[in-house]
Amino acid sequence: MIKYKSIEAEEAEDFWNFLTVLDKETDCMMYEPGERTIRSSLEELKEDIFSNVIHGGDFLCIALDDGRIVGYLRAERGKCNRIRHMAYIVTGIMKSYR
């Protein structure tokens, strides 16, 4: 059974690992296989989750199957005043769960 919940700070490394696998499984996500580790880092992801999701206005929900992250939904708000009411929405799902 899939469980959906808001991400917590201590799940950042599991989320990073999930994203790395997802990059290899799809041609539809932003990063190509291996590109994530060149353009960003686990520490940057941790800071993003802490600052923008937990203590900011962004939304990040993960899908878990037996405690393993298998998907996510994120809404990232605009940072400038004129676009704060808008959000960039991303969803990612492991191939075996599509």
PDB file of N, CA and C in Angstrom:
ATOM      1  N   MET A   1       0.841  -1.177   0.000  1.00  0.00           N
ATOM      2  CA  MET A   1       0.000   0.000   0.000  1.00  0.00           C
ATOM      3  C   MET A   1       0.894   1.251   0.000  1.00  0.00           C
ATOM      4  N   ILE A   2       0.587   2.187  -0.870  1.00  0.00           N
ATOM      5  CA  ILE A   2       1.363   3.418  -0.979  1.00  0.00           C
ATOM      6  C   ILE A   2       0.893   4.405   0.088  1.00  0.00           C
ATOM      7  N   LYS A   3       1.865   5.008   0.748  1.00  0.00           N
ATOM      8  CA  LYS A   3       1.586   6.032   1.756  1.00  0.00           C
ATOM      9  C   LYS A   3       2.134   7.353   1.225  1.00  0.00           C
ATOM     10  N   TYR A   4       1.359   8.427   1.374  1.00  0.00           N
ATOM     11  CA  TYR A   4       1.765   9.756   0.927  1.00  0.00           C
ATOM     12  C   TYR A   4       1.956  10.638   2.150  1.00  0.00           C
ATOM     13  N   LYS A   5       3.045  11.432   2.164  1.00  0.00           N
ATOM     14  CA  LYS A   5       3.315  12.307   3.301  1.00  0.00           C
ATOM     15  C   LYS A   5       4.249  13.426   2.896  1.00  0.00           C
ATOM     16  N   SER A   6       4.260  14.472   3.693  1.00  0.00           N
ATOM     17  CA  SER A   6       5.224  15.549   3.501  1.00  0.00           C
ATOM     18  C   SER A   6       6.611  15.037   3.859  1.00  0.00           C
ATOM     19  N   ILE A   7       7.594  15.481   3.122  1.00  0.00           N
ATOM     20  CA  ILE A   7       8.958  15.046   3.399  1.00  0.00           C
ATOM     21  C   ILE A   7       9.460  15.677   4.695  1.00  0.00           C
ATOM     22  N   GLU A   8      10.311  14.947   5.386  1.00  0.00           N
ATOM     23  CA  GLU A   8      10.953  15.451   6.599  1.00  0.00           C
ATOM     24  C   GLU A   8      12.444  15.594   6.335  1.00  0.00           C
ATOM     25  N   ALA A   9      13.097  16.457   7.081  1.00  0.00           N
ATOM     26  CA  ALA A   9      14.516  16.766   6.856  1.00  0.00           C
ATOM     27  C   ALA A   9      15.386  15.511   6.841  1.00  0.00           C
ATOM     28  N   GLU A  10      15.108  14.562   7.715  1.00  0.00           N
ATOM     29  CA  GLU A  10      15.947  13.364   7.794  1.00  0.00           C
ATOM     30  C   GLU A  10      15.751  12.411   6.614  1.00  0.00           C
ATOM     31  N   GLU A  11      14.802  12.707   5.727  1.00  0.00           N
ATOM     32  CA  GLU A  11      14.581  11.872   4.545  1.00  0.00           C
ATOM     33  C   GLU A  11      15.292  12.410   3.307  1.00  0.00           C
ATOM     34  N   ALA A  12      16.060  13.474   3.458  1.00  0.00           N
ATOM     35  CA  ALA A  12      16.717  14.117   2.312  1.00  0.00           C
ATOM     36  C   ALA A  12      17.655  13.178   1.575  1.00  0.00           C
ATOM     37  N   GLU A  13      18.441  12.387   2.283  1.00  0.00           N
ATOM     38  CA  GLU A  13      19.383  11.485   1.605  1.00  0.00           C
ATOM     39  C   GLU A  13      18.643  10.398   0.831  1.00  0.00           C
ATOM     40  N   ASP A  14      17.588   9.843   1.410  1.00  0.00           N
ATOM     41  CA  ASP A  14      16.779   8.855   0.693  1.00  0.00           C
ATOM     42  C   ASP A  14      16.149   9.484  -0.545  1.00  0.00           C
ATOM     43  N   PHE A  15      15.705  10.738  -0.420  1.00  0.00           N
ATOM     44  CA  PHE A  15      15.112  11.442  -1.560  1.00  0.00           C
ATOM     45  C   PHE A  15      16.159  11.673  -2.645  1.00  0.00           C
ATOM     46  N   TRP A  16      17.358  12.062  -2.258  1.00  0.00           N
ATOM     47  CA  TRP A  16      18.465  12.248  -3.212  1.00  0.00           C
ATOM     48  C   TRP A  16      18.728  10.945  -3.975  1.00  0.00           C
ATOM     49  N   ASN A  17      18.802   9.836  -3.251  1.00  0.00           N
ATOM     50  CA  ASN A  17      19.038   8.534  -3.891  1.00  0.00           C
ATOM     51  C   ASN A  17      17.902   8.169  -4.839  1.00  0.00           C
ATOM     52  N   PHE A  18      16.666   8.439  -4.430  1.00  0.00           N
ATOM     53  CA  PHE A  18      15.506   8.208  -5.293  1.00  0.00           C
ATOM     54  C   PHE A  18      15.623   9.038  -6.576  1.00  0.00           C
ATOM     55  N   LEU A  19      15.946  10.324  -6.445  1.00  0.00           N
ATOM     56  CA  LEU A  19      16.063  11.195  -7.611  1.00  0.00           C
ATOM     57  C   LEU A  19      17.151  10.714  -8.572  1.00  0.00           C
ATOM     58  N   THR A  20      18.253  10.221  -8.021  1.00  0.00           N
ATOM     59  CA  THR A  20      19.351   9.719  -8.841  1.00  0.00           C
ATOM     60  C   THR A  20      18.909   8.512  -9.668  1.00  0.00           C
ATOM     61  N   VAL A  21      18.142   7.616  -9.060  1.00  0.00           N
ATOM     62  CA  VAL A  21      17.608   6.458  -9.784  1.00  0.00           C
ATOM     63  C   VAL A  21      16.592   6.917 -10.818  1.00  0.00           C
ATOM     64  N   LEU A  22      15.726   7.839 -10.434  1.00  0.00           N
ATOM     65  CA  LEU A  22      14.698   8.350 -11.342  1.00  0.00           C
ATOM     66  C   LEU A  22      15.325   8.995 -12.577  1.00  0.00           C
ATOM     67  N   ASP A  23      16.437   9.694 -12.395  1.00  0.00           N
ATOM     68  CA  ASP A  23      17.141  10.317 -13.522  1.00  0.00           C
ATOM     69  C   ASP A  23      17.536   9.275 -14.567  1.00  0.00           C
ATOM     70  N   LYS A  24      17.884   8.083 -14.124  1.00  0.00           N
ATOM     71  CA  LYS A  24      18.305   7.014 -15.033  1.00  0.00           C
ATOM     72  C   LYS A  24      17.122   6.331 -15.715  1.00  0.00           C
ATOM     73  N   GLU A  25      15.945   6.385 -15.076  1.00  0.00           N
ATOM     74  CA  GLU A  25      14.791   5.646 -15.571  1.00  0.00           C
ATOM     75  C   GLU A  25      13.930   6.400 -16.579  1.00  0.00           C
ATOM     76  N   THR A  26      14.092   7.695 -16.691  1.00  0.00           N
ATOM     77  CA  THR A  26      13.176   8.471 -17.519  1.00  0.00           C
ATOM     78  C   THR A  26      13.908   9.497 -18.370  1.00  0.00           C
ATOM     79  N   ASP A  27      13.291   9.833 -19.477  1.00  0.00           N
ATOM     80  CA  ASP A  27      13.787  10.912 -20.330  1.00  0.00           C
ATOM     81  C   ASP A  27      12.991  12.190 -20.098  1.00  0.00           C
ATOM     82  N   CYS A  28      12.018  12.134 -19.189  1.00  0.00           N
ATOM     83  CA  CYS A  28      11.081  13.247 -18.993  1.00  0.00           C
ATOM     84  C   CYS A  28      11.462  14.198 -17.865  1.00  0.00           C
ATOM     85  N   MET A  29      12.398  13.826 -17.024  1.00  0.00           N
ATOM     86  CA  MET A  29      12.776  14.683 -15.909  1.00  0.00           C
ATOM     87  C   MET A  29      13.867  15.657 -16.369  1.00  0.00           C
ATOM     88  N   MET A  30      14.160  16.659 -15.546  1.00  0.00           N
ATOM     89  CA  MET A  30      15.091  17.709 -15.922  1.00  0.00           C
ATOM     90  C   MET A  30      16.527  17.186 -16.087  1.00  0.00           C
ATOM     91  N   TYR A  31      16.982  16.376 -15.147  1.00  0.00           N
ATOM     92  CA  TYR A  31      18.372  15.915 -15.182  1.00  0.00           C
ATOM     93  C   TYR A  31      18.535  14.652 -16.019  1.00  0.00           C
ATOM     94  N   GLU A  32      19.635  14.598 -16.758  1.00  0.00           N
ATOM     95  CA  GLU A  32      20.019  13.384 -17.465  1.00  0.00           C
ATOM     96  C   GLU A  32      20.754  12.479 -16.475  1.00  0.00           C
ATOM     97  N   PRO A  33      20.908  11.192 -16.796  1.00  0.00           N
ATOM     98  CA  PRO A  33      21.642  10.302 -15.887  1.00  0.00           C
ATOM     99  C   PRO A  33      23.033  10.851 -15.562  1.00  0.00           C
ATOM    100  N   GLY A  34      23.355  10.943 -14.272  1.00  0.00           N
ATOM    101  CA  GLY A  34      24.660  11.421 -13.825  1.00  0.00           C
ATOM    102  C   GLY A  34      24.802  12.929 -13.727  1.00  0.00           C
ATOM    103  N   GLU A  35      23.894  13.674 -14.317  1.00  0.00           N
ATOM    104  CA  GLU A  35      23.998  15.136 -14.328  1.00  0.00           C
ATOM    105  C   GLU A  35      23.721  15.752 -12.955  1.00  0.00           C
ATOM    106  N   ARG A  36      22.854  15.133 -12.178  1.00  0.00           N
ATOM    107  CA  ARG A  36      22.475  15.681 -10.865  1.00  0.00           C
ATOM    108  C   ARG A  36      23.701  15.880  -9.974  1.00  0.00           C
ATOM    109  N   THR A  37      24.615  14.925  -9.980  1.00  0.00           N
ATOM    110  CA  THR A  37      25.791  15.026  -9.104  1.00  0.00           C
ATOM    111  C   THR A  37      26.780  16.080  -9.591  1.00  0.00           C
ATOM    112  N   ILE A  38      26.676  16.479 -10.844  1.00  0.00           N
ATOM    113  CA  ILE A  38      27.543  17.527 -11.392  1.00  0.00           C
ATOM    114  C   ILE A  38      26.973  18.912 -11.072  1.00  0.00           C
ATOM    115  N   ARG A  39      25.663  19.065 -11.177  1.00  0.00           N
ATOM    116  CA  ARG A  39      25.006  20.369 -11.053  1.00  0.00           C
ATOM    117  C   ARG A  39      24.523  20.700  -9.645  1.00  0.00           C
ATOM    118  N   SER A  40      24.419  19.707  -8.778  1.00  0.00           N
ATOM    119  CA  SER A  40      23.950  19.961  -7.417  1.00  0.00           C
ATOM    120  C   SER A  40      24.573  18.932  -6.467  1.00  0.00           C
ATOM    121  N   SER A  41      24.156  18.993  -5.209  1.00  0.00           N
ATOM    122  CA  SER A  41      24.709  18.064  -4.215  1.00  0.00           C
ATOM    123  C   SER A  41      23.641  17.714  -3.194  1.00  0.00           C
ATOM    124  N   LEU A  42      23.913  16.681  -2.434  1.00  0.00           N
ATOM    125  CA  LEU A  42      23.018  16.288  -1.349  1.00  0.00           C
ATOM    126  C   LEU A  42      22.859  17.434  -0.354  1.00  0.00           C
ATOM    127  N   GLU A  43      23.931  18.137  -0.066  1.00  0.00           N
ATOM    128  CA  GLU A  43      23.868  19.256   0.882  1.00  0.00           C
ATOM    129  C   GLU A  43      22.956  20.372   0.366  1.00  0.00           C
ATOM    130  N   GLU A  44      23.004  20.642  -0.933  1.00  0.00           N
ATOM    131  CA  GLU A  44      22.114  21.659  -1.513  1.00  0.00           C
ATOM    132  C   GLU A  44      20.654  21.208  -1.426  1.00  0.00           C
ATOM    133  N   LEU A  45      20.413  19.929  -1.651  1.00  0.00           N
ATOM    134  CA  LEU A  45      19.057  19.404  -1.533  1.00  0.00           C
ATOM    135  C   LEU A  45      18.557  19.510  -0.101  1.00  0.00           C
ATOM    136  N   LYS A  46      19.406  19.169   0.852  1.00  0.00           N
ATOM    137  CA  LYS A  46      19.034  19.291   2.270  1.00  0.00           C
ATOM    138  C   LYS A  46      18.665  20.731   2.606  1.00  0.00           C
ATOM    139  N   GLU A  47      19.461  21.680   2.151  1.00  0.00           N
ATOM    140  CA  GLU A  47      19.193  23.099   2.408  1.00  0.00           C
ATOM    141  C   GLU A  47      17.898  23.536   1.738  1.00  0.00           C
ATOM    142  N   ASP A  48      17.668  23.069   0.519  1.00  0.00           N
ATOM    143  CA  ASP A  48      16.439  23.394  -0.203  1.00  0.00           C
ATOM    144  C   ASP A  48      15.211  22.871   0.555  1.00  0.00           C
ATOM    145  N   ILE A  49      15.260  21.636   0.993  1.00  0.00           N
ATOM    146  CA  ILE A  49      14.138  21.051   1.733  1.00  0.00           C
ATOM    147  C   ILE A  49      13.915  21.806   3.036  1.00  0.00           C
ATOM    148  N   PHE A  50      14.990  22.087   3.750  1.00  0.00           N
ATOM    149  CA  PHE A  50      14.874  22.784   5.036  1.00  0.00           C
ATOM    150  C   PHE A  50      14.330  24.204   4.848  1.00  0.00           C
ATOM    151  N   SER A  51      14.924  24.967   3.928  1.00  0.00           N
ATOM    152  CA  SER A  51      14.572  26.382   3.760  1.00  0.00           C
ATOM    153  C   SER A  51      13.270  26.602   3.004  1.00  0.00           C
ATOM    154  N   ASN A  52      13.095  25.875   1.911  1.00  0.00           N
ATOM    155  CA  ASN A  52      11.972  26.158   1.022  1.00  0.00           C
ATOM    156  C   ASN A  52      10.741  25.296   1.254  1.00  0.00           C
ATOM    157  N   VAL A  53      10.929  24.090   1.770  1.00  0.00           N
ATOM    158  CA  VAL A  53       9.785  23.201   1.980  1.00  0.00           C
ATOM    159  C   VAL A  53       9.333  23.232   3.435  1.00  0.00           C
ATOM    160  N   ILE A  54      10.228  22.928   4.340  1.00  0.00           N
ATOM    161  CA  ILE A  54       9.853  22.851   5.756  1.00  0.00           C
ATOM    162  C   ILE A  54       9.577  24.231   6.339  1.00  0.00           C
ATOM    163  N   HIS A  55      10.415  25.220   6.007  1.00  0.00           N
ATOM    164  CA  HIS A  55      10.259  26.559   6.581  1.00  0.00           C
ATOM    165  C   HIS A  55       9.876  27.606   5.539  1.00  0.00           C
ATOM    166  N   GLY A  56       9.477  27.170   4.366  1.00  0.00           N
ATOM    167  CA  GLY A  56       9.106  28.111   3.312  1.00  0.00           C
ATOM    168  C   GLY A  56       7.729  27.788   2.770  1.00  0.00           C
ATOM    169  N   GLY A  57       7.456  28.291   1.591  1.00  0.00           N
ATOM    170  CA  GLY A  57       6.134  28.131   1.018  1.00  0.00           C
ATOM    171  C   GLY A  57       6.002  27.025  -0.009  1.00  0.00           C
ATOM    172  N   ASP A  58       7.067  26.260  -0.243  1.00  0.00           N
ATOM    173  CA  ASP A  58       6.999  25.187  -1.229  1.00  0.00           C
ATOM    174  C   ASP A  58       6.342  23.944  -0.632  1.00  0.00           C
ATOM    175  N   PHE A  59       5.876  23.071  -1.509  1.00  0.00           N
ATOM    176  CA  PHE A  59       5.203  21.828  -1.123  1.00  0.00           C
ATOM    177  C   PHE A  59       5.995  20.666  -1.690  1.00  0.00           C
ATOM    178  N   LEU A  60       6.247  19.643  -0.895  1.00  0.00           N
ATOM    179  CA  LEU A  60       6.921  18.434  -1.362  1.00  0.00           C
ATOM    180  C   LEU A  60       6.327  17.248  -0.633  1.00  0.00           C
ATOM    181  N   CYS A  61       5.629  16.419  -1.379  1.00  0.00           N
ATOM    182  CA  CYS A  61       4.999  15.221  -0.836  1.00  0.00           C
ATOM    183  C   CYS A  61       5.677  14.011  -1.477  1.00  0.00           C
ATOM    184  N   ILE A  62       6.021  13.023  -0.663  1.00  0.00           N
ATOM    185  CA  ILE A  62       6.641  11.814  -1.186  1.00  0.00           C
ATOM    186  C   ILE A  62       5.665  10.645  -1.088  1.00  0.00           C
ATOM    187  N   ALA A  63       5.826   9.693  -1.990  1.00  0.00           N
ATOM    188  CA  ALA A  63       5.042   8.461  -1.979  1.00  0.00           C
ATOM    189  C   ALA A  63       5.977   7.348  -1.514  1.00  0.00           C
ATOM    190  N   LEU A  64       5.542   6.602  -0.516  1.00  0.00           N
ATOM    191  CA  LEU A  64       6.354   5.536   0.065  1.00  0.00           C
ATOM    192  C   LEU A  64       5.671   4.186  -0.097  1.00  0.00           C
ATOM    193  N   ASP A  65       6.450   3.176  -0.410  1.00  0.00           N
ATOM    194  CA  ASP A  65       5.978   1.794  -0.428  1.00  0.00           C
ATOM    195  C   ASP A  65       6.905   1.006   0.486  1.00  0.00           C
ATOM    196  N   ASP A  66       6.385   0.542   1.597  1.00  0.00           N
ATOM    197  CA  ASP A  66       7.197  -0.148   2.618  1.00  0.00           C
ATOM    198  C   ASP A  66       8.399   0.688   3.039  1.00  0.00           C
ATOM    199  N   GLY A  67       8.207   1.992   3.191  1.00  0.00           N
ATOM    200  CA  GLY A  67       9.259   2.880   3.655  1.00  0.00           C
ATOM    201  C   GLY A  67      10.220   3.348   2.580  1.00  0.00           C
ATOM    202  N   ARG A  68      10.072   2.896   1.360  1.00  0.00           N
ATOM    203  CA  ARG A  68      10.952   3.256   0.241  1.00  0.00           C
ATOM    204  C   ARG A  68      10.260   4.317  -0.610  1.00  0.00           C
ATOM    205  N   ILE A  69      10.976   5.408  -0.925  1.00  0.00           N
ATOM    206  CA  ILE A  69      10.408   6.465  -1.751  1.00  0.00           C
ATOM    207  C   ILE A  69      10.255   5.953  -3.183  1.00  0.00           C
ATOM    208  N   VAL A  70       9.034   6.057  -3.714  1.00  0.00           N
ATOM    209  CA  VAL A  70       8.750   5.577  -5.067  1.00  0.00           C
ATOM    210  C   VAL A  70       8.164   6.672  -5.962  1.00  0.00           C
ATOM    211  N   GLY A  71       7.911   7.848  -5.386  1.00  0.00           N
ATOM    212  CA  GLY A  71       7.376   8.942  -6.175  1.00  0.00           C
ATOM    213  C   GLY A  71       7.328  10.221  -5.363  1.00  0.00           C
ATOM    214  N   TYR A  72       7.068  11.328  -6.044  1.00  0.00           N
ATOM    215  CA  TYR A  72       6.932  12.611  -5.349  1.00  0.00           C
ATOM    216  C   TYR A  72       6.122  13.596  -6.170  1.00  0.00           C
ATOM    217  N   LEU A  73       5.627  14.598  -5.470  1.00  0.00           N
ATOM    218  CA  LEU A  73       4.930  15.725  -6.073  1.00  0.00           C
ATOM    219  C   LEU A  73       5.459  16.980  -5.401  1.00  0.00           C
ATOM    220  N   ARG A  74       5.880  17.930  -6.217  1.00  0.00           N
ATOM    221  CA  ARG A  74       6.415  19.170  -5.655  1.00  0.00           C
ATOM    222  C   ARG A  74       5.797  20.373  -6.342  1.00  0.00           C
ATOM    223  N   ALA A  75       5.487  21.382  -5.552  1.00  0.00           N
ATOM    224  CA  ALA A  75       5.052  22.677  -6.066  1.00  0.00           C
ATOM    225  C   ALA A  75       6.015  23.707  -5.501  1.00  0.00           C
ATOM    226  N   GLU A  76       6.758  24.346  -6.385  1.00  0.00           N
ATOM    227  CA  GLU A  76       7.756  25.344  -5.988  1.00  0.00           C
ATOM    228  C   GLU A  76       7.228  26.726  -6.344  1.00  0.00           C
ATOM    229  N   ARG A  77       7.007  27.523  -5.326  1.00  0.00           N
ATOM    230  CA  ARG A  77       6.445  28.863  -5.524  1.00  0.00           C
ATOM    231  C   ARG A  77       7.440  29.796  -6.190  1.00  0.00           C
ATOM    232  N   GLY A  78       6.886  30.787  -6.892  1.00  0.00           N
ATOM    233  CA  GLY A  78       7.713  31.834  -7.461  1.00  0.00           C
ATOM    234  C   GLY A  78       8.367  32.634  -6.348  1.00  0.00           C
ATOM    235  N   LYS A  79       9.582  33.059  -6.538  1.00  0.00           N
ATOM    236  CA  LYS A  79      10.319  33.779  -5.489  1.00  0.00           C
ATOM    237  C   LYS A  79      10.086  35.284  -5.535  1.00  0.00           C
ATOM    238  N   CYS A  80       9.839  35.818  -6.724  1.00  0.00           N
ATOM    239  CA  CYS A  80       9.616  37.263  -6.869  1.00  0.00           C
ATOM    240  C   CYS A  80       8.177  37.606  -6.508  1.00  0.00           C
ATOM    241  N   ASN A  81       7.965  38.815  -5.999  1.00  0.00           N
ATOM    242  CA  ASN A  81       6.632  39.237  -5.566  1.00  0.00           C
ATOM    243  C   ASN A  81       5.572  39.072  -6.642  1.00  0.00           C
ATOM    244  N   ARG A  82       5.894  39.399  -7.860  1.00  0.00           N
ATOM    245  CA  ARG A  82       4.893  39.346  -8.933  1.00  0.00           C
ATOM    246  C   ARG A  82       4.479  37.927  -9.305  1.00  0.00           C
ATOM    247  N   ILE A  83       5.262  36.944  -8.953  1.00  0.00           N
ATOM    248  CA  ILE A  83       4.909  35.563  -9.301  1.00  0.00           C
ATOM    249  C   ILE A  83       4.801  34.650  -8.079  1.00  0.00           C
ATOM    250  N   ARG A  84       4.686  35.222  -6.896  1.00  0.00           N
ATOM    251  CA  ARG A  84       4.558  34.401  -5.673  1.00  0.00           C
ATOM    252  C   ARG A  84       3.270  33.573  -5.662  1.00  0.00           C
ATOM    253  N   HIS A  85       2.284  33.998  -6.427  1.00  0.00           N
ATOM    254  CA  HIS A  85       1.015  33.273  -6.489  1.00  0.00           C
ATOM    255  C   HIS A  85       1.076  32.099  -7.471  1.00  0.00           C
ATOM    256  N   MET A  86       2.172  31.951  -8.195  1.00  0.00           N
ATOM    257  CA  MET A  86       2.332  30.887  -9.179  1.00  0.00           C
ATOM    258  C   MET A  86       3.240  29.798  -8.616  1.00  0.00           C
ATOM    259  N   ALA A  87       3.142  28.600  -9.185  1.00  0.00           N
ATOM    260  CA  ALA A  87       4.001  27.503  -8.748  1.00  0.00           C
ATOM    261  C   ALA A  87       4.431  26.671  -9.951  1.00  0.00           C
ATOM    262  N   TYR A  88       5.634  26.172  -9.864  1.00  0.00           N
ATOM    263  CA  TYR A  88       6.196  25.241 -10.828  1.00  0.00           C
ATOM    264  C   TYR A  88       5.949  23.855 -10.234  1.00  0.00           C
ATOM    265  N   ILE A  89       5.208  23.013 -10.936  1.00  0.00           N
ATOM    266  CA  ILE A  89       4.818  21.712 -10.389  1.00  0.00           C
ATOM    267  C   ILE A  89       5.584  20.596 -11.086  1.00  0.00           C
ATOM    268  N   VAL A  90       6.149  19.697 -10.289  1.00  0.00           N
ATOM    269  CA  VAL A  90       6.915  18.561 -10.792  1.00  0.00           C
ATOM    270  C   VAL A  90       6.414  17.291 -10.113  1.00  0.00           C
ATOM    271  N   THR A  91       6.304  16.241 -10.885  1.00  0.00           N
ATOM    272  CA  THR A  91       5.992  14.936 -10.317  1.00  0.00           C
ATOM    273  C   THR A  91       6.954  13.912 -10.913  1.00  0.00           C
ATOM    274  N   GLY A  92       7.345  12.961 -10.110  1.00  0.00           N
ATOM    275  CA  GLY A  92       8.227  11.902 -10.542  1.00  0.00           C
ATOM    276  C   GLY A  92       7.819  10.590  -9.907  1.00  0.00           C
ATOM    277  N   ILE A  93       7.762   9.535 -10.714  1.00  0.00           N
ATOM    278  CA  ILE A  93       7.331   8.226 -10.236  1.00  0.00           C
ATOM    279  C   ILE A  93       8.269   7.167 -10.788  1.00  0.00           C
ATOM    280  N   MET A  94       8.684   6.255  -9.917  1.00  0.00           N
ATOM    281  CA  MET A  94       9.542   5.149 -10.351  1.00  0.00           C
ATOM    282  C   MET A  94       8.848   4.377 -11.462  1.00  0.00           C
ATOM    283  N   LYS A  95       9.615   3.885 -12.410  1.00  0.00           N
ATOM    284  CA  LYS A  95       9.069   3.191 -13.577  1.00  0.00           C
ATOM    285  C   LYS A  95       8.160   2.030 -13.188  1.00  0.00           C
ATOM    286  N   SER A  96       8.547   1.280 -12.193  1.00  0.00           N
ATOM    287  CA  SER A  96       7.760   0.102 -11.791  1.00  0.00           C
ATOM    288  C   SER A  96       6.440   0.463 -11.111  1.00  0.00           C
ATOM    289  N   TYR A  97       6.209   1.755 -10.814  1.00  0.00           N
ATOM    290  CA  TYR A  97       4.961   2.203 -10.165  1.00  0.00           C
ATOM    291  C   TYR A  97       4.077   3.005 -11.112  1.00  0.00           C
ATOM    292  N   ARG A  98       4.496   3.173 -12.345  1.00  0.00           N
ATOM    293  CA  ARG A  98       3.686   3.942 -13.298  1.00  0.00           C
ATOM    294  C   ARG A  98       2.537   3.104 -13.822  1.00  0.00           C
TER     295      ARG A  98
END
